[in-house]
Protein backbone atom coordinates (compact mmCIF):
# COMPACT_ATOMS: atom_id res chain seq x y z
CA MET A 1 193.85 130.99 20.52
CA LYS A 2 192.94 127.39 18.77
CA ILE A 3 189.61 126.19 19.67
CA LEU A 4 188.87 122.55 18.94
CA ALA A 5 184.53 122.92 18.64
CA LEU A 6 183.03 119.02 19.18
CA ASP A 7 179.42 118.55 18.32
CA ILE A 8 179.11 115.56 19.35
CA GLY A 9 176.77 112.68 17.95
CA LYS A 10 175.80 109.11 18.54
CA TYR A 11 178.42 108.06 15.42
CA ASP A 12 179.91 111.04 14.08
CA THR A 13 181.81 113.76 15.48
CA MET A 14 181.88 117.32 13.74
CA CYS A 15 185.42 119.22 14.85
CA CYS A 16 185.77 122.91 14.06
CA LEU A 17 189.50 124.66 14.80
CA TYR A 18 188.50 128.06 14.96
CA ASP A 19 191.66 130.33 15.47
CA SER A 20 190.20 132.93 17.20
CA THR A 21 192.13 135.46 15.91
CA SER A 22 192.02 135.59 12.73
CA GLN A 23 188.99 133.48 13.43
CA GLN A 24 189.00 131.06 10.54
CA ALA A 25 187.66 127.61 11.07
CA VAL A 26 188.99 124.61 9.89
CA PHE A 27 185.94 121.84 10.06
CA CYS A 28 186.71 117.99 9.46
CA THR A 29 184.10 114.75 10.50
CA THR A 30 185.19 111.71 12.79
CA ASP A 31 183.63 108.80 14.18
CA THR A 32 182.61 108.86 17.75
CA THR A 33 184.91 106.20 18.60
CA VAL A 34 187.85 106.48 21.53
CA GLY A 35 191.33 106.05 18.06
CA SER A 36 189.35 108.06 15.38
CA LEU A 37 188.99 111.36 18.21
CA ARG A 38 193.07 110.41 19.32
CA LYS A 39 193.73 110.45 16.30
CA ILE A 40 192.35 113.96 15.51
CA PHE A 41 193.47 114.84 19.36
CA VAL A 42 197.00 113.86 17.93
CA LYS A 43 198.01 113.67 14.99
CA LYS A 44 195.26 116.53 13.52
CA TYR A 45 194.58 119.53 15.62
CA ALA A 46 197.43 118.66 18.44
CA GLN A 47 197.40 122.80 18.10
CA ALA A 48 194.79 123.08 19.58
CA ASP A 49 194.72 125.30 23.23
CA LEU A 50 191.34 124.20 24.16
CA VAL A 51 189.06 121.22 23.41
CA VAL A 52 185.26 122.25 23.69
CA MET A 53 182.36 119.98 23.78
CA GLU A 54 178.54 120.25 25.07
CA ALA A 55 177.43 118.66 28.13
CA CYS A 56 176.17 114.90 27.04
CA GLY A 57 176.69 111.12 27.72
CA THR A 58 179.91 110.56 26.00
CA ALA A 59 181.70 114.13 27.00
CA GLY A 60 182.97 112.15 30.27
CA TRP A 61 185.14 109.53 27.74
CA ILE A 62 186.58 112.02 25.75
CA THR A 63 187.29 114.28 28.55
CA ASP A 64 189.28 111.76 30.04
CA LEU A 65 190.95 111.19 26.88
CA CYS A 66 192.29 114.81 26.29
CA ALA A 67 193.14 114.55 30.42
CA GLU A 68 195.21 111.44 29.17
CA LEU A 69 196.35 113.70 26.08
CA LYS A 70 197.25 116.90 28.52
CA LEU A 71 194.73 118.97 26.27
CA ARG A 72 192.66 121.17 28.55
CA THR A 73 188.81 120.93 28.11
CA LEU A 74 185.73 122.53 28.91
CA VAL A 75 182.65 120.51 29.13
CA CYS A 76 179.13 123.43 29.03
CA SER A 77 175.56 123.37 30.10
CA THR A 78 172.96 123.26 26.65
CA ASN A 79 170.10 124.77 28.58
CA GLU A 80 171.55 128.45 29.08
CA GLU A 81 169.52 131.43 26.87
CA ALA A 82 172.98 132.13 23.91
CA TRP A 83 171.37 128.10 23.26
CA LYS A 84 168.44 129.19 22.13
CA TRP A 85 167.97 127.80 18.48
CA THR A 86 164.40 130.03 17.36
CA ASN A 87 165.81 133.37 15.28
CA VAL A 88 167.98 129.79 13.56
CA ASN A 89 166.88 129.19 9.56
CA ARG A 90 169.62 126.93 9.49
CA LYS A 91 171.37 124.12 12.32
CA THR A 92 173.97 122.16 10.91
CA ASP A 93 176.49 120.05 12.88
CA ARG A 94 178.54 122.45 10.97
CA ASP A 95 176.92 125.29 12.42
CA ASP A 96 176.78 123.50 15.98
CA ALA A 97 180.40 123.04 16.42
CA LEU A 98 181.81 126.64 14.75
CA LYS A 99 179.38 128.39 17.39
CA LEU A 100 180.30 126.35 20.23
CA ALA A 101 183.43 127.36 19.46
CA LYS A 102 182.98 130.60 18.87
CA MET A 103 181.32 130.60 22.31
CA ALA A 104 184.39 129.46 23.54
CA ALA A 105 186.19 132.43 22.12
CA MET A 106 184.23 135.10 23.66
CA ASP A 107 184.17 133.15 26.66
CA SER A 108 180.75 133.22 26.98
CA LEU A 109 180.40 128.74 28.10
CA LYS A 110 178.86 128.18 31.34
CA SER A 111 180.82 124.84 32.39
CA VAL A 112 179.86 122.08 33.84
CA HIS A 113 182.03 119.02 36.81
CA VAL A 114 182.41 115.81 34.47
CA PRO A 115 182.49 113.24 36.85
CA SER A 116 185.37 111.04 37.27
CA PRO A 117 185.34 107.77 35.60
CA ASP A 118 184.65 105.78 38.69
CA GLN A 119 181.84 107.90 39.77
CA ARG A 120 180.35 107.82 36.73
CA ARG A 121 180.50 103.91 36.31
CA LEU A 122 178.94 104.03 40.29
CA ARG A 123 176.07 106.68 39.19
CA LEU A 124 175.36 103.64 36.27
CA LEU A 125 175.19 101.14 38.61
CA VAL A 126 172.65 103.30 40.82
CA LYS A 127 171.06 104.27 37.95
CA TYR A 128 170.72 100.60 36.57
CA ARG A 129 168.88 99.30 39.95
CA LYS A 130 166.89 101.92 39.79
CA SER A 131 165.98 101.51 36.23
CA LEU A 132 165.33 96.85 37.88
CA ASP A 133 162.92 98.40 40.90
CA GLN A 134 161.18 99.87 38.62
CA ARG A 135 160.42 97.05 36.25
CA ILE A 136 160.16 94.83 40.00
CA THR A 137 157.41 97.48 40.70
CA ARG A 138 155.52 97.03 37.06
CA THR A 139 155.22 93.50 37.24
CA LYS A 140 153.90 93.36 40.24
CA ASN A 141 151.10 95.69 39.31
CA VAL A 142 150.70 93.37 36.62
CA ILE A 143 150.56 90.57 38.64
CA ARG A 144 147.65 92.86 41.02
CA ALA A 145 145.46 93.69 38.26
CA VAL A 146 145.56 90.02 36.34
CA PHE A 147 144.25 88.67 40.28
CA VAL A 148 141.86 91.58 40.71
CA ASN A 149 140.24 91.31 37.27
CA GLN A 150 139.51 87.58 38.22
CA GLY A 151 138.37 88.76 41.49
CA ILE A 152 140.89 86.92 43.18
CA THR A 153 142.49 88.94 46.70
CA ILE A 154 145.52 88.89 47.93
CA ALA A 155 147.53 89.91 50.78
CA LYS A 156 148.35 93.99 50.99
CA GLY A 157 151.64 95.55 50.90
CA PHE A 158 154.91 93.26 50.63
CA ALA A 159 153.42 89.87 52.70
CA ALA A 160 152.09 89.47 49.23
CA TRP A 161 155.27 88.33 47.57
CA THR A 162 156.66 86.44 50.93
CA GLN A 163 153.82 85.23 52.62
CA ALA A 164 152.33 81.64 50.90
CA ASP A 165 148.52 81.66 51.06
CA SER A 166 147.30 79.31 53.33
CA ARG A 167 143.34 78.90 51.96
């Protein structure tokens, strides 16, 4: 089985094509962009039987790209005991990609669910709304603190922000 393991970075991705039969690995680095990864999947490593990557924000669109190209994918959780790096002297992107490929070959990776593109977009909107709500709350708390520090009392709760003071 030929496994293409991706150690995904913000700007660069380390690719490791690992042949589980011969235990040989070939490495390359590419940009973490749709165009660059498409070239890797189509031209350079089209013979891969499985594309494996760690769960991260980028894994969503990479999984979508693999699905479009009819490549089997495995997005794995890195919270498992096997991912503890306490006994490792050296940690590089190459080492991470090779470890990912070898663990996939041994079938010792725990997969995670990758939501659909629509679900990911909805979650992003919900997350953004929550951050806006938190900013509003922080701003209100700062305004309240300014009034308290000046000895001025304002209405409690919702009324402080909706009703004009009649004083």
